Amino acid sequence: MQVDLNELANSYEVVPVSLSDPFKSLVAEPSTMEVLRFIPIIAFIALIITAVWRQGMKFPVKAIGDLKKDSKQD
Protein backbone atom coordinates (compact mmCIF):
# COMPACT_ATOMS: atom_id res chain seq x y z
CA MET A 1 0.00 0.00 0.00
CA GLN A 2 1.46 3.32 -1.09
CA VAL A 3 0.55 6.64 0.42
CA ASP A 4 0.65 9.79 -1.67
CA LEU A 5 2.20 12.46 0.59
CA ASN A 6 0.69 15.33 -1.40
CA GLU A 7 -2.79 13.89 -1.02
CA LEU A 8 -2.20 13.28 2.68
CA ALA A 9 -0.93 16.85 3.23
CA ASN A 10 -3.86 18.35 1.34
CA SER A 11 -6.42 16.33 3.29
CA TYR A 12 -5.67 18.17 6.56
CA GLU A 13 -6.80 21.72 7.10
CA VAL A 14 -4.52 23.86 9.28
CA VAL A 15 -6.32 26.52 11.28
CA PRO A 16 -4.05 29.34 12.49
CA VAL A 17 -4.25 30.20 16.18
CA SER A 18 -4.88 33.79 17.12
CA LEU A 19 -2.67 35.12 19.90
CA SER A 20 -5.38 37.51 21.06
CA ASP A 21 -7.94 34.71 21.42
CA PRO A 22 -6.20 31.31 21.59
CA PHE A 23 -9.45 29.45 22.40
CA LYS A 24 -11.26 30.76 19.32
CA SER A 25 -10.80 27.53 17.36
CA LEU A 26 -12.20 25.37 20.18
CA VAL A 27 -15.80 24.28 19.92
CA ALA A 28 -17.25 24.50 23.41
CA GLU A 29 -20.10 25.98 25.38
CA PRO A 30 -19.87 29.66 26.33
CA SER A 31 -19.70 28.80 30.04
CA THR A 32 -16.66 26.60 29.38
CA MET A 33 -15.01 29.44 27.49
CA GLU A 34 -15.53 31.71 30.51
CA VAL A 35 -13.71 29.20 32.71
CA LEU A 36 -10.88 28.77 30.20
CA ARG A 37 -10.36 32.53 30.15
CA PHE A 38 -9.34 32.47 33.83
CA ILE A 39 -6.81 29.61 33.57
CA PRO A 40 -3.78 31.89 32.88
CA ILE A 41 -4.73 34.15 35.81
CA ILE A 42 -5.10 31.19 38.17
CA ALA A 43 -1.78 29.75 36.99
CA PHE A 44 0.00 33.08 37.57
CA ILE A 45 -1.38 33.36 41.11
CA ALA A 46 -0.33 29.76 41.79
CA LEU A 47 3.22 30.57 40.63
CA ILE A 48 3.40 33.57 42.98
CA ILE A 49 2.13 31.51 45.92
CA THR A 50 4.65 28.76 45.15
CA ALA A 51 7.53 31.25 44.93
CA VAL A 52 6.63 32.83 48.28
CA TRP A 53 6.22 29.39 49.87
CA ARG A 54 9.62 28.19 48.61
CA GLN A 55 11.33 31.35 49.83
CA GLY A 56 9.64 30.87 53.19
CA MET A 57 11.15 27.41 53.41
CA LYS A 58 14.64 28.81 52.74
CA PHE A 59 14.36 31.67 55.23
CA PRO A 60 11.92 30.74 58.00
CA VAL A 61 10.39 33.51 60.09
CA LYS A 62 11.51 31.77 63.30
CA ALA A 63 15.15 32.42 62.40
CA ILE A 64 14.53 36.18 62.51
CA GLY A 65 12.98 35.86 65.97
CA ASP A 66 15.97 33.83 67.16
CA LEU A 67 18.37 36.50 65.91
CA LYS A 68 16.59 39.15 67.98
CA LYS A 69 16.92 37.04 71.15
CA ASP A 70 20.63 36.42 70.51
CA SER A 71 21.38 40.11 69.99
CA LYS A 72 19.72 41.05 73.32
CA GLN A 73 21.86 38.57 75.26
CA ASP A 74 25.16 40.07 73.99
C-alpha atoms as a PDB file:
ATOM      1  CA  MET A   1       0.000   0.000   0.000  1.00  0.00           C
ATOM      2  CA  GLN A   2       1.456   3.316  -1.093  1.00  0.00           C
ATOM      3  CA  VAL A   3       0.547   6.642   0.418  1.00  0.00           C
ATOM      4  CA  ASP A   4       0.654   9.787  -1.668  1.00  0.00           C
ATOM      5  CA  LEU A   5       2.201  12.458   0.587  1.00  0.00           C
ATOM      6  CA  ASN A   6       0.689  15.334  -1.405  1.00  0.00           C
ATOM      7  CA  GLU A   7      -2.793  13.887  -1.024  1.00  0.00           C
ATOM      8  CA  LEU A   8      -2.204  13.284   2.680  1.00  0.00           C
ATOM      9  CA  ALA A   9      -0.926  16.850   3.226  1.00  0.00           C
ATOM     10  CA  ASN A  10      -3.857  18.352   1.341  1.00  0.00           C
ATOM     11  CA  SER A  11      -6.418  16.334   3.294  1.00  0.00           C
ATOM     12  CA  TYR A  12      -5.671  18.168   6.565  1.00  0.00           C
ATOM     13  CA  GLU A  13      -6.800  21.723   7.103  1.00  0.00           C
ATOM     14  CA  VAL A  14      -4.518  23.861   9.276  1.00  0.00           C
ATOM     15  CA  VAL A  15      -6.321  26.523  11.284  1.00  0.00           C
ATOM     16  CA  PRO A  16      -4.052  29.338  12.485  1.00  0.00           C
ATOM     17  CA  VAL A  17      -4.248  30.199  16.178  1.00  0.00           C
ATOM     18  CA  SER A  18      -4.876  33.794  17.117  1.00  0.00           C
ATOM     19  CA  LEU A  19      -2.665  35.123  19.898  1.00  0.00           C
ATOM     20  CA  SER A  20      -5.377  37.512  21.060  1.00  0.00           C
ATOM     21  CA  ASP A  21      -7.942  34.707  21.420  1.00  0.00           C
ATOM     22  CA  PRO A  22      -6.200  31.306  21.592  1.00  0.00           C
ATOM     23  CA  PHE A  23      -9.445  29.450  22.401  1.00  0.00           C
ATOM     24  CA  LYS A  24     -11.256  30.756  19.324  1.00  0.00           C
ATOM     25  CA  SER A  25     -10.804  27.535  17.361  1.00  0.00           C
ATOM     26  CA  LEU A  26     -12.200  25.366  20.179  1.00  0.00           C
ATOM     27  CA  VAL A  27     -15.802  24.280  19.919  1.00  0.00           C
ATOM     28  CA  ALA A  28     -17.251  24.501  23.415  1.00  0.00           C
ATOM     29  CA  GLU A  29     -20.098  25.983  25.377  1.00  0.00           C
ATOM     30  CA  PRO A  30     -19.865  29.664  26.329  1.00  0.00           C
ATOM     31  CA  SER A  31     -19.701  28.803  30.038  1.00  0.00           C
ATOM     32  CA  THR A  32     -16.661  26.597  29.381  1.00  0.00           C
ATOM     33  CA  MET A  33     -15.012  29.436  27.491  1.00  0.00           C
ATOM     34  CA  GLU A  34     -15.529  31.713  30.513  1.00  0.00           C
ATOM     35  CA  VAL A  35     -13.712  29.198  32.714  1.00  0.00           C
ATOM     36  CA  LEU A  36     -10.881  28.772  30.197  1.00  0.00           C
ATOM     37  CA  ARG A  37     -10.362  32.531  30.152  1.00  0.00           C
ATOM     38  CA  PHE A  38      -9.336  32.470  33.832  1.00  0.00           C
ATOM     39  CA  ILE A  39      -6.806  29.605  33.571  1.00  0.00           C
ATOM     40  CA  PRO A  40      -3.775  31.890  32.882  1.00  0.00           C
ATOM     41  CA  ILE A  41      -4.734  34.147  35.806  1.00  0.00           C
ATOM     42  CA  ILE A  42      -5.103  31.193  38.171  1.00  0.00           C
ATOM     43  CA  ALA A  43      -1.776  29.750  36.986  1.00  0.00           C
ATOM     44  CA  PHE A  44       0.002  33.078  37.574  1.00  0.00           C
ATOM     45  CA  ILE A  45      -1.384  33.362  41.107  1.00  0.00           C
ATOM     46  CA  ALA A  46      -0.327  29.760  41.785  1.00  0.00           C
ATOM     47  CA  LEU A  47       3.218  30.572  40.631  1.00  0.00           C
ATOM     48  CA  ILE A  48       3.399  33.569  42.975  1.00  0.00           C
ATOM     49  CA  ILE A  49       2.133  31.515  45.922  1.00  0.00           C
ATOM     50  CA  THR A  50       4.649  28.759  45.148  1.00  0.00           C
ATOM     51  CA  ALA A  51       7.526  31.253  44.931  1.00  0.00           C
ATOM     52  CA  VAL A  52       6.627  32.825  48.279  1.00  0.00           C
ATOM     53  CA  TRP A  53       6.218  29.390  49.871  1.00  0.00           C
ATOM     54  CA  ARG A  54       9.617  28.187  48.608  1.00  0.00           C
ATOM     55  CA  GLN A  55      11.333  31.350  49.826  1.00  0.00           C
ATOM     56  CA  GLY A  56       9.639  30.867  53.193  1.00  0.00           C
ATOM     57  CA  MET A  57      11.150  27.407  53.414  1.00  0.00           C
ATOM     58  CA  LYS A  58      14.640  28.812  52.741  1.00  0.00           C
ATOM     59  CA  PHE A  59      14.355  31.674  55.230  1.00  0.00           C
ATOM     60  CA  PRO A  60      11.919  30.738  57.999  1.00  0.00           C
ATOM     61  CA  VAL A  61      10.392  33.513  60.087  1.00  0.00           C
ATOM     62  CA  LYS A  62      11.514  31.773  63.298  1.00  0.00           C
ATOM     63  CA  ALA A  63      15.148  32.423  62.405  1.00  0.00           C
ATOM     64  CA  ILE A  64      14.526  36.182  62.511  1.00  0.00           C
ATOM     65  CA  GLY A  65      12.982  35.863  65.967  1.00  0.00           C
ATOM     66  CA  ASP A  66      15.974  33.827  67.157  1.00  0.00           C
ATOM     67  CA  LEU A  67      18.368  36.498  65.908  1.00  0.00           C
ATOM     68  CA  LYS A  68      16.588  39.155  67.985  1.00  0.00           C
ATOM     69  CA  LYS A  69      16.922  37.039  71.149  1.00  0.00           C
ATOM     70  CA  ASP A  70      20.630  36.419  70.510  1.00  0.00           C
ATOM     71  CA  SER A  71      21.378  40.114  69.990  1.00  0.00           C
ATOM     72  CA  LYS A  72      19.716  41.051  73.316  1.00  0.00           C
ATOM     73  CA  GLN A  73      21.857  38.568  75.259  1.00  0.00           C
ATOM     74  CA  ASP A  74      25.155  40.070  73.987  1.00  0.00           C
END
